[in-house]
Amino acid sequence: MKLNISHVTQYEYEAPVTDSVNEIRLTPSTNERQSCYQQAIWIEPNASLFSYEDYFGNRVHSFSVNPMHRKLTIRTQMTVVTTNAPSPEEQAALLNGRLAREAWAWLETEEAANRFAEFLLETEYTGVTPEVESFAFSISDKEETDISVMGWLSALSSSIRVQFIYDPEATTVKTKASDMIERKRGVCQDFAHLMIACCRAHSIPARYVSGYHFVGDLQGGIADFEQASHAWVEAYVPSLGWCSFDPTNEAPVGERYVKLGHGRDYKDIVPVKGVYRGNGEQKLKVTVDVRKVED
């Protein structure tokens, strides 16, 4: 599927500001499932961009706006071609009959702990509290059912989707996994953090993914349907590698998803962040438009 994506971030300041220093992580990664064919970035006021890869391999652009300004606009436009993820049947073939207990046992080894240390440790957003641990162990008893790692992850994603209500008003950008357990509602960021915390409680490496989910053609022709960035999870399955799960939506992570990057939690992959010198409040407006391009 070929997708054209427009992402506009606009800050308006109550009083003039200066020395604005910013980082943006808005460049789609190129991997076995997607390719970024084109991207353009515009900064207003005009600023030079410096590009580099961060620790996790995400493409970062940084820039500074030193003159006084009352508005900062960041526009990105990109074209990405995506393909579907492997089907459950294809994944089963790749596992080649490997016993579930062997995969679980490998995740407990020192090799796994050393290889995936950063995706196993708790973070500010993904603390394994008693409440989180209780939820994680309520999914399925891997010892009694001999469930596979992939099966357990699918069950976890489904349980979060069923047991928690999607509510944009219930949480903030600072909400932690344990807070969501208490409130029983949240948004995609919260659902992803909860799934990651549960994975880490079971020694499964898991990482937070930031990107886009194309649903425009599923809205019955509603022209003003509001789109936004999306978040989901990648968890490591022995013999399969990193597999994607979306605890917010029932559909599998496939050609409708565009990955920007990944990290331990939201803080590692904030799309736009920065600091500036000045007083007064700021207003933030973000507009996302994802469209399918017909060949």
Protein backbone atom coordinates (compact mmCIF):
# COMPACT_ATOMS: atom_id res chain seq x y z
CA MET A 1 0.00 0.00 0.00
CA LYS A 2 1.32 3.46 -0.89
CA LEU A 3 0.52 6.14 1.69
CA ASN A 4 1.03 9.89 1.66
CA ILE A 5 1.37 11.40 5.12
CA SER A 6 1.26 15.04 6.18
CA HIS A 7 2.11 15.97 9.78
CA VAL A 8 1.95 19.59 10.96
CA THR A 9 2.98 20.69 14.45
CA GLN A 10 2.37 24.32 15.38
CA TYR A 11 3.29 26.18 18.56
CA GLU A 12 1.86 29.63 19.30
CA TYR A 13 3.45 31.54 22.18
CA GLU A 14 1.72 34.07 24.41
CA ALA A 15 4.78 36.32 24.24
CA PRO A 16 7.81 36.36 21.91
CA VAL A 17 10.39 33.63 22.58
CA THR A 18 13.95 33.06 21.47
CA ASP A 19 16.68 30.40 21.38
CA SER A 20 14.27 27.57 20.56
CA VAL A 21 16.15 24.25 20.33
CA ASN A 22 14.21 21.25 19.02
CA GLU A 23 14.41 17.58 18.04
CA ILE A 24 11.93 15.82 15.76
CA ARG A 25 11.53 12.10 15.20
CA LEU A 26 9.20 12.11 12.20
CA THR A 27 11.12 10.11 9.59
CA PRO A 28 9.67 6.66 8.82
CA SER A 29 12.11 3.82 9.33
CA THR A 30 12.92 1.59 6.37
CA ASN A 31 12.68 -2.10 7.18
CA GLU A 32 11.43 -5.39 5.76
CA ARG A 33 7.82 -4.16 5.92
CA GLN A 34 8.02 -0.56 4.73
CA SER A 35 10.10 1.83 2.63
CA CYS A 36 10.14 5.62 2.79
CA TYR A 37 10.32 6.83 -0.80
CA GLN A 38 10.25 10.55 -0.14
CA GLN A 39 10.20 13.01 2.75
CA ALA A 40 10.29 16.78 2.99
CA ILE A 41 10.56 18.89 6.16
CA TRP A 42 9.79 22.63 6.43
CA ILE A 43 10.49 24.80 9.47
CA GLU A 44 8.93 28.26 9.96
CA PRO A 45 10.77 30.50 10.88
CA ASN A 46 13.38 29.07 8.56
CA ALA A 47 16.07 26.95 10.24
CA SER A 48 18.85 24.60 9.18
CA LEU A 49 18.36 20.90 9.96
CA PHE A 50 21.01 18.60 11.42
CA SER A 51 20.33 14.87 11.06
CA TYR A 52 21.64 11.88 13.02
CA GLU A 53 20.60 8.46 14.36
CA ASP A 54 19.89 8.07 18.06
CA TYR A 55 20.84 5.09 20.25
CA PHE A 56 17.85 3.06 19.04
CA GLY A 57 18.53 3.72 15.35
CA ASN A 58 15.76 6.29 14.90
CA ARG A 59 16.37 9.14 12.46
CA VAL A 60 16.43 12.47 14.33
CA HIS A 61 16.43 16.00 12.92
CA SER A 62 17.46 18.85 15.21
CA PHE A 63 17.31 22.60 14.66
CA SER A 64 17.49 25.92 16.46
CA VAL A 65 15.52 29.14 15.95
CA ASN A 66 17.41 31.96 17.66
CA PRO A 67 15.58 35.16 16.58
CA MET A 68 12.47 36.30 18.44
CA HIS A 69 9.29 34.56 17.24
CA ARG A 70 5.71 33.99 18.41
CA LYS A 71 4.94 30.97 16.26
CA LEU A 72 6.87 27.83 15.32
CA THR A 73 5.58 25.49 12.61
CA ILE A 74 7.04 22.11 11.67
CA ARG A 75 5.65 20.51 8.51
CA THR A 76 6.58 17.08 7.24
CA GLN A 77 5.31 15.28 4.19
CA MET A 78 6.28 11.76 3.22
CA THR A 79 5.41 8.89 0.92
CA VAL A 80 5.72 5.39 2.34
CA VAL A 81 5.09 2.00 0.71
CA THR A 82 4.07 -0.75 3.10
CA THR A 83 3.45 -4.50 2.95
CA ASN A 84 1.53 -6.88 5.16
CA ALA A 85 3.14 -8.57 8.14
CA PRO A 86 3.55 -12.37 8.13
CA SER A 87 0.29 -14.24 8.68
CA PRO A 88 -0.19 -16.51 11.72
CA GLU A 89 0.34 -19.49 9.41
CA GLU A 90 3.63 -18.06 8.12
CA GLN A 91 4.77 -17.33 11.66
CA ALA A 92 3.93 -20.90 12.70
CA ALA A 93 6.00 -22.21 9.80
CA LEU A 94 8.94 -20.08 10.93
CA LEU A 95 8.66 -21.48 14.44
CA ASN A 96 8.99 -24.94 12.87
CA GLY A 97 7.37 -26.79 15.74
CA ARG A 98 9.61 -25.36 18.46
CA LEU A 99 8.19 -26.20 21.87
CA ALA A 100 6.67 -23.31 23.81
CA ARG A 101 8.60 -24.15 26.98
CA GLU A 102 11.91 -23.90 25.11
CA ALA A 103 11.14 -20.34 24.04
CA TRP A 104 10.07 -19.34 27.55
CA ALA A 105 13.21 -20.93 28.99
CA TRP A 106 15.46 -19.02 26.58
CA LEU A 107 13.90 -15.71 27.64
CA GLU A 108 15.09 -16.44 31.19
CA THR A 109 18.72 -16.98 30.14
CA GLU A 110 21.62 -14.61 30.72
CA GLU A 111 22.07 -14.39 26.94
CA ALA A 112 18.59 -12.93 26.53
CA ALA A 113 19.03 -10.59 29.49
CA ASN A 114 22.28 -9.19 28.12
CA ARG A 115 21.08 -8.92 24.54
CA PHE A 116 17.85 -7.07 25.35
CA ALA A 117 18.70 -5.33 28.61
CA GLU A 118 17.25 -1.94 27.64
CA PHE A 119 13.92 -3.50 26.63
CA LEU A 120 13.59 -5.55 29.82
CA LEU A 121 14.21 -2.90 32.47
CA GLU A 122 11.33 -0.93 33.98
CA THR A 123 11.01 2.74 33.03
CA GLU A 124 9.10 5.70 34.39
CA TYR A 125 6.09 4.79 32.24
CA THR A 126 6.34 0.98 32.46
CA GLY A 127 6.90 0.21 36.12
CA VAL A 128 5.92 -3.34 37.12
CA THR A 129 3.80 -2.53 40.16
CA PRO A 130 1.85 -5.23 42.05
CA GLU A 131 -1.27 -4.20 40.10
CA VAL A 132 0.50 -4.49 36.74
CA GLU A 133 2.06 -7.80 37.73
CA SER A 134 -1.32 -9.16 38.81
CA PHE A 135 -2.86 -8.20 35.47
CA ALA A 136 0.05 -9.73 33.56
CA PHE A 137 -0.23 -13.05 35.37
CA SER A 138 -4.01 -13.13 34.90
CA ILE A 139 -3.68 -13.53 31.13
CA SER A 140 -2.74 -17.20 30.96
CA ASP A 141 -0.63 -19.58 33.01
CA LYS A 142 2.20 -20.51 30.66
CA GLU A 143 3.16 -23.49 32.85
CA GLU A 144 -0.30 -25.05 32.96
CA THR A 145 -1.46 -24.32 29.41
CA ASP A 146 1.89 -24.65 27.60
CA ILE A 147 0.93 -21.52 25.68
CA SER A 148 3.52 -20.18 23.24
CA VAL A 149 5.17 -16.79 23.65
CA MET A 150 3.33 -15.58 20.54
CA GLY A 151 0.04 -16.96 21.89
CA TRP A 152 0.53 -15.25 25.23
CA LEU A 153 1.35 -11.93 23.59
CA SER A 154 -1.75 -12.14 21.39
CA ALA A 155 -3.88 -12.93 24.44
CA LEU A 156 -2.36 -10.01 26.35
CA SER A 157 -3.02 -7.56 23.52
CA SER A 158 -6.61 -8.77 23.20
CA SER A 159 -7.21 -8.57 26.98
CA ILE A 160 -6.07 -4.96 27.14
CA ARG A 161 -8.30 -4.08 24.20
CA VAL A 162 -11.33 -5.74 25.82
CA GLN A 163 -10.87 -4.75 29.46
CA PHE A 164 -9.91 -1.09 29.01
CA ILE A 165 -11.93 1.71 27.44
CA TYR A 166 -10.44 4.04 24.86
CA ASP A 167 -11.02 7.52 26.29
CA PRO A 168 -8.96 10.54 25.13
CA GLU A 169 -10.10 12.54 28.16
CA ALA A 170 -9.07 10.00 30.80
CA THR A 171 -5.29 10.34 30.76
CA THR A 172 -2.45 12.71 29.91
CA VAL A 173 0.90 12.36 28.19
CA LYS A 174 2.42 11.66 31.64
CA THR A 175 0.11 8.77 32.59
CA LYS A 176 1.91 5.59 33.67
CA ALA A 177 0.88 1.97 33.13
CA SER A 178 -0.12 1.61 36.79
CA ASP A 179 -2.38 4.68 36.52
CA MET A 180 -4.21 3.11 33.58
CA ILE A 181 -4.81 -0.07 35.59
CA GLU A 182 -6.63 2.04 38.19
CA ARG A 183 -8.64 4.16 35.74
CA LYS A 184 -9.53 1.31 33.34
CA ARG A 185 -9.36 3.71 30.41
CA GLY A 186 -6.83 5.57 28.32
CA VAL A 187 -5.44 6.03 24.80
CA CYS A 188 -3.06 4.12 22.54
CA GLN A 189 0.00 5.41 24.42
CA ASP A 190 -1.39 4.06 27.70
CA PHE A 191 -2.40 0.71 26.18
CA ALA A 192 1.10 0.31 24.74
CA HIS A 193 2.79 1.15 28.03
CA LEU A 194 0.64 -1.35 29.90
CA MET A 195 1.43 -4.12 27.41
CA ILE A 196 5.15 -3.34 27.61
CA ALA A 197 5.10 -3.43 31.41
CA CYS A 198 3.29 -6.80 31.35
CA CYS A 199 5.83 -8.18 28.88
CA ARG A 200 8.71 -7.12 31.09
CA ALA A 201 7.03 -8.81 34.06
CA HIS A 202 7.32 -12.05 32.03
CA SER A 203 10.91 -11.36 30.85
CA ILE A 204 9.75 -10.70 27.28
CA PRO A 205 11.70 -7.85 25.62
CA ALA A 206 9.23 -5.19 24.48
CA ARG A 207 9.51 -1.74 22.96
CA TYR A 208 7.25 1.24 22.30
CA VAL A 209 6.53 2.07 18.65
CA SER A 210 5.46 5.48 17.36
CA GLY A 211 3.88 5.91 13.94
CA TYR A 212 0.66 6.21 11.98
CA HIS A 213 -2.37 4.00 11.39
CA PHE A 214 -4.28 4.60 8.16
CA VAL A 215 -8.04 4.32 8.77
CA GLY A 216 -9.36 7.13 6.55
CA ASP A 217 -11.05 4.83 4.06
CA LEU A 218 -12.83 2.98 6.89
CA GLN A 219 -14.76 6.03 8.10
CA GLY A 220 -17.62 5.87 5.62
CA GLY A 221 -16.48 8.84 3.57
CA ILE A 222 -16.39 11.30 6.47
CA ALA A 223 -14.23 14.09 5.07
CA ASP A 224 -13.36 15.77 8.38
CA PHE A 225 -12.39 12.59 10.23
CA GLU A 226 -9.62 13.61 12.65
CA GLN A 227 -6.47 11.53 12.45
CA ALA A 228 -3.54 11.39 14.84
CA SER A 229 -0.25 9.70 15.51
CA HIS A 230 -0.51 6.16 16.83
CA ALA A 231 1.40 3.92 19.22
CA TRP A 232 1.73 0.14 19.42
CA VAL A 233 4.18 -2.50 20.66
CA GLU A 234 6.93 -4.70 19.32
CA ALA A 235 7.81 -7.75 21.44
CA TYR A 236 10.62 -10.23 20.86
CA VAL A 237 9.53 -13.80 20.11
CA PRO A 238 12.31 -16.42 20.01
CA SER A 239 12.78 -17.81 16.46
CA LEU A 240 10.59 -15.05 15.01
CA GLY A 241 12.28 -11.85 16.15
CA TRP A 242 10.44 -8.59 16.78
CA CYS A 243 6.67 -8.99 16.27
CA SER A 244 4.11 -6.18 16.27
CA PHE A 245 0.97 -5.98 18.41
CA ASP A 246 -1.66 -3.24 18.63
CA PRO A 247 -3.55 -3.45 21.96
CA THR A 248 -5.80 -0.58 20.80
CA ASN A 249 -7.14 -2.01 17.53
CA GLU A 250 -8.28 -5.51 16.68
CA ALA A 251 -6.76 -5.62 13.19
CA PRO A 252 -3.22 -7.05 12.96
CA VAL A 253 -0.33 -4.64 12.43
CA GLY A 254 0.05 -4.75 8.66
CA GLU A 255 0.13 -2.54 5.60
CA ARG A 256 -2.02 0.15 7.21
CA TYR A 257 0.70 0.91 9.78
CA VAL A 258 3.70 3.18 9.24
CA LYS A 259 6.47 3.00 11.83
CA LEU A 260 8.43 6.13 12.70
CA GLY A 261 10.66 4.59 15.35
CA HIS A 262 10.88 2.76 18.65
CA GLY A 263 12.26 3.11 22.17
CA ARG A 264 11.85 1.85 25.71
CA ASP A 265 8.73 4.00 26.18
CA TYR A 266 7.13 7.20 24.92
CA LYS A 267 9.89 9.41 26.29
CA ASP A 268 12.45 7.87 23.91
CA ILE A 269 10.41 8.52 20.79
CA VAL A 270 8.56 11.81 21.34
CA PRO A 271 7.76 13.07 17.81
CA VAL A 272 8.58 16.71 18.61
CA LYS A 273 10.31 18.07 21.69
CA GLY A 274 12.31 21.16 22.53
CA VAL A 275 13.08 24.05 24.86
CA TYR A 276 13.02 27.81 24.42
CA ARG A 277 13.80 31.02 26.26
CA GLY A 278 10.76 33.08 27.14
CA ASN A 279 7.78 33.56 29.45
CA GLY A 280 4.10 32.89 29.01
CA GLU A 281 2.08 29.93 27.91
CA GLN A 282 2.13 28.13 24.57
CA LYS A 283 -0.64 26.58 22.49
CA LEU A 284 0.03 23.38 20.59
CA LYS A 285 -1.87 22.20 17.53
CA VAL A 286 -1.07 18.97 15.69
CA THR A 287 -2.68 17.98 12.39
CA VAL A 288 -2.14 14.57 10.79
CA ASP A 289 -3.43 13.50 7.39
CA VAL A 290 -2.84 9.97 6.02
CA ARG A 291 -4.10 9.19 2.53
CA LYS A 292 -3.85 6.17 0.27
CA VAL A 293 -2.18 6.89 -3.06
CA GLU A 294 -3.69 5.04 -5.98
CA ASP A 295 -1.10 3.60 -8.38
